[in-house]
């Protein structure tokens, strides 16, 4: 396995991480800081590229994820279920649904389980939209990781799961600095 330490399109370098740590008088591990900084930069770039990609189909990443989540769950979910599965607020779901509903890709109807609430349903037009974009979408997804072997992808998925498990370090109130 090779170690990639060269900067990628302005990504932080190990020397930059060392300088910043020294500047602030910390004892943090420069390689750990570099990995986290590069991961954040890559996530931002992938997010931007995703918006361009989905924009070709008149969608955003959030709108696509909502449609795909509905399709994966029988075409119907409550707004609170959508918010939980997408990891966004209920207000975000409301905004996404409002736009998708205007375009006829989803509809709202009263819940049969809870007469007070609504459910969001995937319309035939929404299902067609997903079907139409699927060939290009999955080809691009595969190309994104096309430089990795099957074994590397397996390792990457394991490593990514461990990194994702540490995401709460950014939001926990009780995390103490290393110095």
C-alpha atoms as a PDB file:
ATOM      1  CA  UNK A   1       0.000   0.000   0.000  1.00  0.00           C
ATOM      2  CA  UNK A   2       1.373   3.402  -0.922  1.00  0.00           C
ATOM      3  CA  UNK A   3       1.302   6.492   1.227  1.00  0.00           C
ATOM      4  CA  UNK A   4       0.147   9.617  -0.551  1.00  0.00           C
ATOM      5  CA  UNK A   5       1.712  12.652   1.074  1.00  0.00           C
ATOM      6  CA  UNK A   6       1.707  15.020  -1.880  1.00  0.00           C
ATOM      7  CA  UNK A   7      -0.862  17.810  -1.764  1.00  0.00           C
ATOM      8  CA  UNK A   8      -3.936  17.404  -3.923  1.00  0.00           C
ATOM      9  CA  UNK A   9      -5.398  20.603  -5.380  1.00  0.00           C
ATOM     10  CA  UNK A  10      -4.424  22.812  -2.481  1.00  0.00           C
ATOM     11  CA  UNK A  11      -5.038  20.174   0.205  1.00  0.00           C
ATOM     12  CA  UNK A  12      -3.073  20.704   3.411  1.00  0.00           C
ATOM     13  CA  UNK A  13       0.412  19.209   3.699  1.00  0.00           C
ATOM     14  CA  UNK A  14       2.180  17.494   6.574  1.00  0.00           C
ATOM     15  CA  UNK A  15       4.536  20.484   6.863  1.00  0.00           C
ATOM     16  CA  UNK A  16       1.561  22.836   7.193  1.00  0.00           C
ATOM     17  CA  UNK A  17       0.097  20.665   9.935  1.00  0.00           C
ATOM     18  CA  UNK A  18       3.434  20.659  11.794  1.00  0.00           C
ATOM     19  CA  UNK A  19       3.753  24.458  11.493  1.00  0.00           C
ATOM     20  CA  UNK A  20       0.237  25.048  12.785  1.00  0.00           C
ATOM     21  CA  UNK A  21       0.709  22.694  15.724  1.00  0.00           C
ATOM     22  CA  UNK A  22       4.003  24.399  16.604  1.00  0.00           C
ATOM     23  CA  UNK A  23       2.488  27.868  16.151  1.00  0.00           C
ATOM     24  CA  UNK A  24      -0.161  27.110  18.761  1.00  0.00           C
ATOM     25  CA  UNK A  25       2.212  25.306  21.121  1.00  0.00           C
ATOM     26  CA  UNK A  26       0.360  21.991  20.907  1.00  0.00           C
ATOM     27  CA  UNK A  27       1.568  18.400  20.992  1.00  0.00           C
ATOM     28  CA  UNK A  28      -1.010  16.995  18.558  1.00  0.00           C
ATOM     29  CA  UNK A  29       0.016  14.312  16.061  1.00  0.00           C
ATOM     30  CA  UNK A  30       0.690  16.125  12.742  1.00  0.00           C
ATOM     31  CA  UNK A  31      -0.236  13.066  10.679  1.00  0.00           C
ATOM     32  CA  UNK A  32      -3.595  12.742  12.490  1.00  0.00           C
ATOM     33  CA  UNK A  33      -4.250  16.434  11.857  1.00  0.00           C
ATOM     34  CA  UNK A  34      -3.285  16.023   8.193  1.00  0.00           C
ATOM     35  CA  UNK A  35      -5.565  13.007   7.712  1.00  0.00           C
ATOM     36  CA  UNK A  36      -8.508  14.852   9.307  1.00  0.00           C
ATOM     37  CA  UNK A  37      -7.847  18.032   7.306  1.00  0.00           C
ATOM     38  CA  UNK A  38      -7.548  16.112   4.033  1.00  0.00           C
ATOM     39  CA  UNK A  39     -10.690  14.137   4.792  1.00  0.00           C
ATOM     40  CA  UNK A  40     -12.600  17.357   5.449  1.00  0.00           C
ATOM     41  CA  UNK A  41     -11.232  18.921   2.245  1.00  0.00           C
ATOM     42  CA  UNK A  42     -12.119  15.795   0.239  1.00  0.00           C
ATOM     43  CA  UNK A  43     -15.611  15.747   1.736  1.00  0.00           C
ATOM     44  CA  UNK A  44     -16.150  19.365   0.744  1.00  0.00           C
ATOM     45  CA  UNK A  45     -14.911  18.707  -2.814  1.00  0.00           C
ATOM     46  CA  UNK A  46     -17.072  15.606  -3.182  1.00  0.00           C
ATOM     47  CA  UNK A  47     -20.052  17.574  -1.851  1.00  0.00           C
ATOM     48  CA  UNK A  48     -19.488  20.322  -4.422  1.00  0.00           C
ATOM     49  CA  UNK A  49     -19.059  17.797  -7.222  1.00  0.00           C
ATOM     50  CA  UNK A  50     -22.236  16.035  -6.107  1.00  0.00           C
ATOM     51  CA  UNK A  51     -24.201  19.259  -6.376  1.00  0.00           C
ATOM     52  CA  UNK A  52     -22.934  19.766  -9.945  1.00  0.00           C
ATOM     53  CA  UNK A  53     -23.755  16.154 -10.798  1.00  0.00           C
ATOM     54  CA  UNK A  54     -27.288  16.214  -9.390  1.00  0.00           C
ATOM     55  CA  UNK A  55     -27.839  19.682 -10.838  1.00  0.00           C
ATOM     56  CA  UNK A  56     -27.707  18.093 -14.296  1.00  0.00           C
ATOM     57  CA  UNK A  57     -30.935  16.346 -13.355  1.00  0.00           C
ATOM     58  CA  UNK A  58     -32.597  19.341 -11.718  1.00  0.00           C
ATOM     59  CA  UNK A  59     -31.883  18.030  -8.229  1.00  0.00           C
ATOM     60  CA  UNK A  60     -29.602  18.746  -5.304  1.00  0.00           C
ATOM     61  CA  UNK A  61     -27.828  16.097  -3.264  1.00  0.00           C
ATOM     62  CA  UNK A  62     -30.423  16.498  -0.509  1.00  0.00           C
ATOM     63  CA  UNK A  63     -33.342  16.190  -2.900  1.00  0.00           C
ATOM     64  CA  UNK A  64     -31.826  13.083  -4.483  1.00  0.00           C
ATOM     65  CA  UNK A  65     -31.170  11.498  -1.084  1.00  0.00           C
ATOM     66  CA  UNK A  66     -34.770  12.119  -0.039  1.00  0.00           C
ATOM     67  CA  UNK A  67     -36.150  10.566  -3.238  1.00  0.00           C
ATOM     68  CA  UNK A  68     -33.806   7.578  -2.969  1.00  0.00           C
ATOM     69  CA  UNK A  69     -34.686   7.090   0.708  1.00  0.00           C
ATOM     70  CA  UNK A  70     -38.387   7.061  -0.132  1.00  0.00           C
ATOM     71  CA  UNK A  71     -37.795   4.556  -2.932  1.00  0.00           C
ATOM     72  CA  UNK A  72     -35.739   2.331  -0.627  1.00  0.00           C
ATOM     73  CA  UNK A  73     -38.562   2.274   1.924  1.00  0.00           C
ATOM     74  CA  UNK A  74     -41.568   1.413  -0.185  1.00  0.00           C
ATOM     75  CA  UNK A  75     -42.188   4.941  -1.449  1.00  0.00           C
ATOM     76  CA  UNK A  76     -43.632   6.336   1.778  1.00  0.00           C
ATOM     77  CA  UNK A  77     -42.273   7.841   5.003  1.00  0.00           C
ATOM     78  CA  UNK A  78     -43.205  10.436   7.562  1.00  0.00           C
ATOM     79  CA  UNK A  79     -41.239  13.687   7.585  1.00  0.00           C
ATOM     80  CA  UNK A  80     -39.732  12.807  10.972  1.00  0.00           C
ATOM     81  CA  UNK A  81     -38.605   9.402   9.654  1.00  0.00           C
ATOM     82  CA  UNK A  82     -37.034  11.126   6.645  1.00  0.00           C
ATOM     83  CA  UNK A  83     -35.246  13.631   8.882  1.00  0.00           C
ATOM     84  CA  UNK A  84     -33.840  10.811  11.034  1.00  0.00           C
ATOM     85  CA  UNK A  85     -32.697   8.655   8.133  1.00  0.00           C
ATOM     86  CA  UNK A  86     -31.156  11.587   6.235  1.00  0.00           C
ATOM     87  CA  UNK A  87     -29.533  13.064   9.344  1.00  0.00           C
ATOM     88  CA  UNK A  88     -31.118  16.486   8.861  1.00  0.00           C
ATOM     89  CA  UNK A  89     -33.644  18.613  10.686  1.00  0.00           C
ATOM     90  CA  UNK A  90     -37.377  18.349  10.216  1.00  0.00           C
ATOM     91  CA  UNK A  91     -37.301  21.911   8.816  1.00  0.00           C
ATOM     92  CA  UNK A  92     -34.770  20.820   6.173  1.00  0.00           C
ATOM     93  CA  UNK A  93     -37.037  17.939   5.181  1.00  0.00           C
ATOM     94  CA  UNK A  94     -39.985  20.329   4.916  1.00  0.00           C
ATOM     95  CA  UNK A  95     -38.008  22.553   2.541  1.00  0.00           C
ATOM     96  CA  UNK A  96     -36.876  19.614   0.430  1.00  0.00           C
ATOM     97  CA  UNK A  97     -40.390  18.157   0.271  1.00  0.00           C
ATOM     98  CA  UNK A  98     -41.911  21.537  -0.624  1.00  0.00           C
ATOM     99  CA  UNK A  99     -39.646  21.825  -3.682  1.00  0.00           C
ATOM    100  CA  UNK A 100     -40.059  18.209  -4.736  1.00  0.00           C
ATOM    101  CA  UNK A 101     -43.825  18.462  -4.333  1.00  0.00           C
ATOM    102  CA  UNK A 102     -43.972  21.552  -6.575  1.00  0.00           C
ATOM    103  CA  UNK A 103     -42.250  19.492  -9.272  1.00  0.00           C
ATOM    104  CA  UNK A 104     -44.590  16.541  -8.791  1.00  0.00           C
ATOM    105  CA  UNK A 105     -41.811  14.212  -7.626  1.00  0.00           C
ATOM    106  CA  UNK A 106     -43.392  13.614  -4.203  1.00  0.00           C
ATOM    107  CA  UNK A 107     -46.793  14.210  -2.656  1.00  0.00           C
ATOM    108  CA  UNK A 108     -48.116  14.526   0.859  1.00  0.00           C
ATOM    109  CA  UNK A 109     -51.106  12.673   2.181  1.00  0.00           C
ATOM    110  CA  UNK A 110     -52.581  12.097   5.626  1.00  0.00           C
ATOM    111  CA  UNK A 111     -51.015   9.254   7.552  1.00  0.00           C
ATOM    112  CA  UNK A 112     -53.159   6.149   7.933  1.00  0.00           C
ATOM    113  CA  UNK A 113     -51.322   5.363  11.205  1.00  0.00           C
ATOM    114  CA  UNK A 114     -51.507   8.831  12.728  1.00  0.00           C
ATOM    115  CA  UNK A 115     -54.458  10.864  11.506  1.00  0.00           C
ATOM    116  CA  UNK A 116     -52.823  14.063  12.761  1.00  0.00           C
ATOM    117  CA  UNK A 117     -49.694  13.731  10.619  1.00  0.00           C
ATOM    118  CA  UNK A 118     -48.784  13.460   6.981  1.00  0.00           C
ATOM    119  CA  UNK A 119     -46.586  11.074   5.062  1.00  0.00           C
ATOM    120  CA  UNK A 120     -44.488  11.848   2.022  1.00  0.00           C
ATOM    121  CA  UNK A 121     -44.943   9.542  -0.932  1.00  0.00           C
ATOM    122  CA  UNK A 122     -42.804   9.069  -4.004  1.00  0.00           C
ATOM    123  CA  UNK A 123     -44.849   9.755  -7.119  1.00  0.00           C
ATOM    124  CA  UNK A 124     -44.526   7.906 -10.416  1.00  0.00           C
ATOM    125  CA  UNK A 125     -42.780  10.986 -11.781  1.00  0.00           C
ATOM    126  CA  UNK A 126     -40.299  10.852  -8.882  1.00  0.00           C
ATOM    127  CA  UNK A 127     -39.640   7.153  -9.475  1.00  0.00           C
ATOM    128  CA  UNK A 128     -39.113   7.891 -13.185  1.00  0.00           C
ATOM    129  CA  UNK A 129     -36.614  10.641 -12.298  1.00  0.00           C
ATOM    130  CA  UNK A 130     -34.588   8.174 -10.215  1.00  0.00           C
ATOM    131  CA  UNK A 131     -34.722   5.561 -12.958  1.00  0.00           C
ATOM    132  CA  UNK A 132     -33.633   8.116 -15.597  1.00  0.00           C
ATOM    133  CA  UNK A 133     -30.594   9.296 -13.644  1.00  0.00           C
ATOM    134  CA  UNK A 134     -29.521   5.854 -12.370  1.00  0.00           C
ATOM    135  CA  UNK A 135     -27.277   4.789 -15.289  1.00  0.00           C
ATOM    136  CA  UNK A 136     -25.204   7.979 -15.265  1.00  0.00           C
ATOM    137  CA  UNK A 137     -25.268   8.300 -11.476  1.00  0.00           C
ATOM    138  CA  UNK A 138     -23.998   4.791 -10.802  1.00  0.00           C
ATOM    139  CA  UNK A 139     -21.396   5.037 -13.576  1.00  0.00           C
ATOM    140  CA  UNK A 140     -20.040   8.223 -11.985  1.00  0.00           C
ATOM    141  CA  UNK A 141     -20.117   6.692  -8.486  1.00  0.00           C
ATOM    142  CA  UNK A 142     -18.140   3.707  -9.734  1.00  0.00           C
ATOM    143  CA  UNK A 143     -15.668   5.982 -11.535  1.00  0.00           C
ATOM    144  CA  UNK A 144     -15.134   7.977  -8.326  1.00  0.00           C
ATOM    145  CA  UNK A 145     -13.548   4.937  -6.678  1.00  0.00           C
ATOM    146  CA  UNK A 146     -12.397   3.255  -9.880  1.00  0.00           C
ATOM    147  CA  UNK A 147      -8.743   3.683  -8.939  1.00  0.00           C
ATOM    148  CA  UNK A 148      -9.183   1.395  -5.927  1.00  0.00           C
ATOM    149  CA  UNK A 149      -9.054  -2.382  -6.019  1.00  0.00           C
ATOM    150  CA  UNK A 150     -11.773  -4.491  -4.399  1.00  0.00           C
ATOM    151  CA  UNK A 151      -9.482  -5.103  -1.402  1.00  0.00           C
ATOM    152  CA  UNK A 152      -8.694  -1.386  -1.113  1.00  0.00           C
ATOM    153  CA  UNK A 153     -12.403  -0.524  -1.226  1.00  0.00           C
ATOM    154  CA  UNK A 154     -13.062  -3.060   1.530  1.00  0.00           C
ATOM    155  CA  UNK A 155     -10.305  -1.534   3.652  1.00  0.00           C
ATOM    156  CA  UNK A 156     -11.541   1.960   2.847  1.00  0.00           C
ATOM    157  CA  UNK A 157     -15.070   1.099   3.985  1.00  0.00           C
ATOM    158  CA  UNK A 158     -13.708  -0.213   7.275  1.00  0.00           C
ATOM    159  CA  UNK A 159     -11.536   2.854   7.808  1.00  0.00           C
ATOM    160  CA  UNK A 160     -14.346   5.194   6.819  1.00  0.00           C
ATOM    161  CA  UNK A 161     -16.707   3.558   9.323  1.00  0.00           C
ATOM    162  CA  UNK A 162     -14.138   4.129  12.066  1.00  0.00           C
ATOM    163  CA  UNK A 163     -13.672   7.768  11.051  1.00  0.00           C
ATOM    164  CA  UNK A 164     -17.427   8.331  10.927  1.00  0.00           C
ATOM    165  CA  UNK A 165     -17.667   6.893  14.440  1.00  0.00           C
ATOM    166  CA  UNK A 166     -15.399   9.763  15.559  1.00  0.00           C
ATOM    167  CA  UNK A 167     -17.436  12.553  13.976  1.00  0.00           C
ATOM    168  CA  UNK A 168     -19.051  13.441  17.293  1.00  0.00           C
ATOM    169  CA  UNK A 169     -15.632  14.773  18.377  1.00  0.00           C
ATOM    170  CA  UNK A 170     -16.572  17.938  16.476  1.00  0.00           C
ATOM    171  CA  UNK A 171     -19.818  18.472  18.340  1.00  0.00           C
ATOM    172  CA  UNK A 172     -19.249  17.040  21.820  1.00  0.00           C
ATOM    173  CA  UNK A 173     -19.164  19.731  24.460  1.00  0.00           C
ATOM    174  CA  UNK A 174     -16.986  17.709  26.848  1.00  0.00           C
ATOM    175  CA  UNK A 175     -13.979  17.058  24.580  1.00  0.00           C
ATOM    176  CA  UNK A 176     -10.815  18.322  26.255  1.00  0.00           C
ATOM    177  CA  UNK A 177      -7.938  19.777  24.209  1.00  0.00           C
ATOM    178  CA  UNK A 178      -4.701  17.764  24.111  1.00  0.00           C
ATOM    179  CA  UNK A 179      -2.809  20.712  25.668  1.00  0.00           C
END
